[in-house]
Amino acid sequence: MGGYGWQYGQGAGPGWWVVMVIFMILFWSVVVLGAIYSVRHYRGGHHHHEYGDVSTHGSTNEGAIEILRTRFAKGELDEAEFKSRLALLEERH
């Protein structure tokens, strides 16, 4: 019998199943990661900075002071700049 389509024993083979499984895993990974990103982005979540993770819901002054101390310890700020910035942060507290 001729005709169109696959006949018994003439399928795509096992290689296509592997490819389909990989693409399904990739597809659902993108969907789940996109949902997680959207929820975190629109809820406000956490803002990641170079010197630490500062929550928008917590006290940002303590986080800012820790970042300032870290930068001073790394040598990015001299003592005068560290003291002036620390005084400003403590003044706001």
N, C-alpha and C. Protein backbone atom coordinates (compact mmCIF):
# COMPACT_ATOMS: atom_id res chain seq x y z
N MET A 1 0.83 -1.18 0.00
CA MET A 1 0.00 0.00 0.00
C MET A 1 0.87 1.24 0.00
N GLY A 2 0.67 2.05 -0.95
CA GLY A 2 1.37 3.33 -0.99
C GLY A 2 0.65 4.29 -0.07
N GLY A 3 0.70 5.52 -0.30
CA GLY A 3 -0.04 6.47 0.50
C GLY A 3 0.89 7.43 1.22
N TYR A 4 0.26 8.33 1.86
CA TYR A 4 1.02 9.37 2.56
C TYR A 4 1.14 9.03 4.04
N GLY A 5 2.13 9.63 4.69
CA GLY A 5 2.30 9.43 6.11
C GLY A 5 3.23 8.27 6.41
N TRP A 6 3.47 8.06 7.67
CA TRP A 6 4.37 6.99 8.08
C TRP A 6 3.61 5.67 8.16
N GLN A 7 4.28 4.67 7.77
CA GLN A 7 3.70 3.35 7.90
C GLN A 7 4.39 2.66 9.06
N TYR A 8 3.90 1.55 9.45
CA TYR A 8 4.45 0.81 10.58
C TYR A 8 5.94 0.58 10.38
N GLY A 9 6.75 0.98 11.39
CA GLY A 9 8.18 0.76 11.34
C GLY A 9 8.94 1.85 10.60
N GLN A 10 8.26 2.88 10.16
CA GLN A 10 8.94 3.95 9.44
C GLN A 10 8.83 5.28 10.19
N GLY A 11 8.90 5.24 11.49
CA GLY A 11 8.80 6.45 12.30
C GLY A 11 10.06 7.29 12.22
N ALA A 12 10.09 8.34 12.98
CA ALA A 12 11.21 9.27 12.96
C ALA A 12 12.43 8.67 13.67
N GLY A 13 12.25 7.66 14.44
CA GLY A 13 13.37 7.03 15.12
C GLY A 13 13.57 7.57 16.53
N PRO A 14 14.42 6.90 17.31
CA PRO A 14 14.60 7.29 18.72
C PRO A 14 15.32 8.62 18.88
N GLY A 15 16.08 9.05 17.90
CA GLY A 15 16.80 10.32 18.01
C GLY A 15 15.89 11.51 18.17
N TRP A 16 14.73 11.49 17.50
CA TRP A 16 13.79 12.60 17.60
C TRP A 16 13.15 12.69 18.98
N TRP A 17 12.97 11.57 19.64
CA TRP A 17 12.42 11.59 20.99
C TRP A 17 13.35 12.31 21.94
N VAL A 18 14.64 12.07 21.79
CA VAL A 18 15.63 12.74 22.64
C VAL A 18 15.59 14.24 22.40
N VAL A 19 15.53 14.65 21.15
CA VAL A 19 15.47 16.08 20.81
C VAL A 19 14.20 16.70 21.37
N MET A 20 13.07 16.01 21.24
CA MET A 20 11.81 16.54 21.75
C MET A 20 11.84 16.69 23.27
N VAL A 21 12.42 15.74 23.97
CA VAL A 21 12.52 15.82 25.43
C VAL A 21 13.38 17.01 25.83
N ILE A 22 14.50 17.20 25.16
CA ILE A 22 15.39 18.33 25.47
C ILE A 22 14.67 19.65 25.24
N PHE A 23 13.95 19.78 24.13
CA PHE A 23 13.24 21.02 23.87
C PHE A 23 12.09 21.24 24.85
N MET A 24 11.44 20.20 25.30
CA MET A 24 10.39 20.36 26.30
C MET A 24 10.97 20.85 27.62
N ILE A 25 12.11 20.29 28.01
CA ILE A 25 12.76 20.73 29.24
C ILE A 25 13.17 22.19 29.12
N LEU A 26 13.75 22.58 27.99
CA LEU A 26 14.13 23.97 27.77
C LEU A 26 12.92 24.90 27.78
N PHE A 27 11.86 24.48 27.12
CA PHE A 27 10.64 25.30 27.06
C PHE A 27 10.08 25.57 28.46
N TRP A 28 9.91 24.50 29.25
CA TRP A 28 9.33 24.68 30.58
C TRP A 28 10.28 25.41 31.52
N SER A 29 11.57 25.26 31.32
CA SER A 29 12.54 26.03 32.12
C SER A 29 12.39 27.52 31.85
N VAL A 30 12.25 27.88 30.59
CA VAL A 30 12.07 29.29 30.25
C VAL A 30 10.75 29.82 30.82
N VAL A 31 9.69 29.03 30.75
CA VAL A 31 8.40 29.46 31.29
C VAL A 31 8.50 29.68 32.80
N VAL A 32 9.08 28.73 33.52
CA VAL A 32 9.17 28.84 34.98
C VAL A 32 10.09 30.00 35.38
N LEU A 33 11.25 30.11 34.75
CA LEU A 33 12.17 31.21 35.09
C LEU A 33 11.57 32.56 34.74
N GLY A 34 10.83 32.63 33.65
CA GLY A 34 10.14 33.88 33.31
C GLY A 34 9.09 34.26 34.34
N ALA A 35 8.37 33.28 34.83
CA ALA A 35 7.37 33.55 35.87
C ALA A 35 8.03 34.02 37.16
N ILE A 36 9.12 33.37 37.55
CA ILE A 36 9.84 33.77 38.76
C ILE A 36 10.37 35.19 38.61
N TYR A 37 10.97 35.49 37.47
CA TYR A 37 11.49 36.84 37.23
C TYR A 37 10.37 37.88 37.29
N SER A 38 9.24 37.57 36.67
CA SER A 38 8.12 38.52 36.66
C SER A 38 7.60 38.79 38.06
N VAL A 39 7.44 37.75 38.84
CA VAL A 39 6.94 37.92 40.20
C VAL A 39 7.92 38.76 41.03
N ARG A 40 9.20 38.44 40.95
CA ARG A 40 10.19 39.22 41.72
C ARG A 40 10.26 40.66 41.24
N HIS A 41 10.20 40.85 39.94
CA HIS A 41 10.33 42.21 39.40
C HIS A 41 9.14 43.08 39.79
N TYR A 42 7.93 42.55 39.67
CA TYR A 42 6.75 43.35 39.92
C TYR A 42 6.38 43.46 41.40
N ARG A 43 6.91 42.59 42.25
CA ARG A 43 6.66 42.70 43.69
C ARG A 43 7.67 43.60 44.37
N GLY A 44 8.75 43.94 43.71
CA GLY A 44 9.74 44.81 44.32
C GLY A 44 10.91 44.04 44.87
N GLY A 45 10.70 42.84 45.33
CA GLY A 45 11.73 41.92 45.81
C GLY A 45 13.00 42.53 46.33
N HIS A 46 14.12 42.05 45.84
CA HIS A 46 15.43 42.50 46.27
C HIS A 46 16.14 43.18 45.12
N HIS A 47 16.94 44.16 45.48
CA HIS A 47 17.81 44.80 44.49
C HIS A 47 19.22 44.33 44.78
N HIS A 48 19.86 43.80 43.77
CA HIS A 48 21.22 43.29 43.94
C HIS A 48 22.20 44.38 43.55
N HIS A 49 23.12 44.67 44.48
CA HIS A 49 24.14 45.67 44.24
C HIS A 49 25.50 45.00 44.21
N GLU A 50 26.49 45.77 43.79
CA GLU A 50 27.84 45.22 43.70
C GLU A 50 28.38 44.80 45.06
N TYR A 51 27.97 45.52 46.11
CA TYR A 51 28.55 45.27 47.42
C TYR A 51 27.62 44.57 48.38
N GLY A 52 26.59 43.96 47.89
CA GLY A 52 25.71 43.22 48.78
C GLY A 52 24.28 43.29 48.33
N ASP A 53 23.44 42.60 49.03
CA ASP A 53 22.04 42.50 48.72
C ASP A 53 21.28 43.37 49.70
N VAL A 54 20.65 44.44 49.20
CA VAL A 54 19.95 45.36 50.08
C VAL A 54 18.46 45.25 49.77
N SER A 55 17.68 44.89 50.76
CA SER A 55 16.25 44.75 50.58
C SER A 55 15.58 46.11 50.61
N THR A 56 14.56 46.30 49.78
CA THR A 56 13.84 47.57 49.78
C THR A 56 12.89 47.65 50.97
N HIS A 57 12.61 46.53 51.61
CA HIS A 57 11.67 46.54 52.72
C HIS A 57 12.36 46.70 54.06
N GLY A 58 13.64 46.44 54.15
CA GLY A 58 14.37 46.54 55.39
C GLY A 58 14.97 47.92 55.55
N SER A 59 15.81 48.06 56.54
CA SER A 59 16.47 49.33 56.77
C SER A 59 17.64 49.46 55.80
N THR A 60 17.55 50.44 54.93
CA THR A 60 18.60 50.61 53.92
C THR A 60 19.83 51.29 54.50
N ASN A 61 19.68 52.00 55.61
CA ASN A 61 20.85 52.67 56.21
C ASN A 61 21.88 51.67 56.69
N GLU A 62 21.45 50.59 57.35
CA GLU A 62 22.41 49.58 57.82
C GLU A 62 23.13 48.94 56.63
N GLY A 63 22.38 48.67 55.57
CA GLY A 63 22.98 48.10 54.38
C GLY A 63 23.97 49.05 53.73
N ALA A 64 23.62 50.34 53.69
CA ALA A 64 24.49 51.35 53.10
C ALA A 64 25.77 51.51 53.93
N ILE A 65 25.63 51.46 55.24
CA ILE A 65 26.81 51.58 56.12
C ILE A 65 27.73 50.38 55.93
N GLU A 66 27.14 49.20 55.79
CA GLU A 66 27.96 48.00 55.55
C GLU A 66 28.71 48.10 54.22
N ILE A 67 28.03 48.60 53.20
CA ILE A 67 28.68 48.78 51.90
C ILE A 67 29.81 49.79 52.02
N LEU A 68 29.55 50.86 52.75
CA LEU A 68 30.58 51.89 52.96
C LEU A 68 31.80 51.30 53.67
N ARG A 69 31.56 50.51 54.70
CA ARG A 69 32.67 49.88 55.43
C ARG A 69 33.44 48.91 54.53
N THR A 70 32.72 48.19 53.70
CA THR A 70 33.38 47.25 52.78
C THR A 70 34.26 48.01 51.79
N ARG A 71 33.74 49.09 51.25
CA ARG A 71 34.53 49.88 50.29
C ARG A 71 35.76 50.49 50.95
N PHE A 72 35.60 50.93 52.20
CA PHE A 72 36.75 51.48 52.93
C PHE A 72 37.78 50.39 53.20
N ALA A 73 37.32 49.21 53.56
CA ALA A 73 38.24 48.10 53.82
C ALA A 73 38.98 47.67 52.56
N LYS A 74 38.33 47.79 51.42
CA LYS A 74 38.97 47.44 50.15
C LYS A 74 39.94 48.51 49.67
N GLY A 75 39.89 49.68 50.31
CA GLY A 75 40.76 50.77 49.91
C GLY A 75 40.19 51.64 48.81
N GLU A 76 38.92 51.51 48.54
CA GLU A 76 38.29 52.32 47.50
C GLU A 76 38.01 53.74 47.98
N LEU A 77 37.93 53.93 49.29
CA LEU A 77 37.68 55.25 49.88
C LEU A 77 38.82 55.58 50.84
N ASP A 78 39.20 56.86 50.87
CA ASP A 78 40.18 57.24 51.89
C ASP A 78 39.43 57.55 53.19
N GLU A 79 40.18 57.80 54.25
CA GLU A 79 39.58 57.95 55.57
C GLU A 79 38.66 59.16 55.65
N ALA A 80 39.06 60.27 55.04
CA ALA A 80 38.25 61.49 55.10
C ALA A 80 36.91 61.27 54.39
N GLU A 81 36.95 60.66 53.22
CA GLU A 81 35.71 60.41 52.49
C GLU A 81 34.83 59.42 53.24
N PHE A 82 35.44 58.39 53.83
CA PHE A 82 34.68 57.41 54.61
C PHE A 82 33.96 58.09 55.76
N LYS A 83 34.70 58.93 56.51
CA LYS A 83 34.09 59.60 57.68
C LYS A 83 32.98 60.56 57.27
N SER A 84 33.16 61.28 56.18
CA SER A 84 32.13 62.24 55.77
C SER A 84 30.86 61.51 55.32
N ARG A 85 31.04 60.44 54.56
CA ARG A 85 29.86 59.68 54.11
C ARG A 85 29.17 58.97 55.27
N LEU A 86 29.97 58.44 56.20
CA LEU A 86 29.40 57.78 57.37
C LEU A 86 28.59 58.77 58.20
N ALA A 87 29.12 60.00 58.35
CA ALA A 87 28.39 61.02 59.11
C ALA A 87 27.05 61.35 58.44
N LEU A 88 27.05 61.42 57.12
CA LEU A 88 25.78 61.68 56.41
C LEU A 88 24.78 60.56 56.61
N LEU A 89 25.26 59.33 56.54
CA LEU A 89 24.34 58.19 56.71
C LEU A 89 23.80 58.12 58.14
N GLU A 90 24.66 58.36 59.11
CA GLU A 90 24.21 58.31 60.51
C GLU A 90 23.28 59.46 60.83
N GLU A 91 23.46 60.60 60.15
CA GLU A 91 22.60 61.74 60.33
C GLU A 91 21.17 61.44 59.87
N ARG A 92 21.05 60.68 58.77
CA ARG A 92 19.74 60.30 58.23
C ARG A 92 19.06 59.25 59.08
N HIS A 93 19.83 58.49 59.82
CA HIS A 93 19.30 57.39 60.63
C HIS A 93 18.54 57.96 61.76
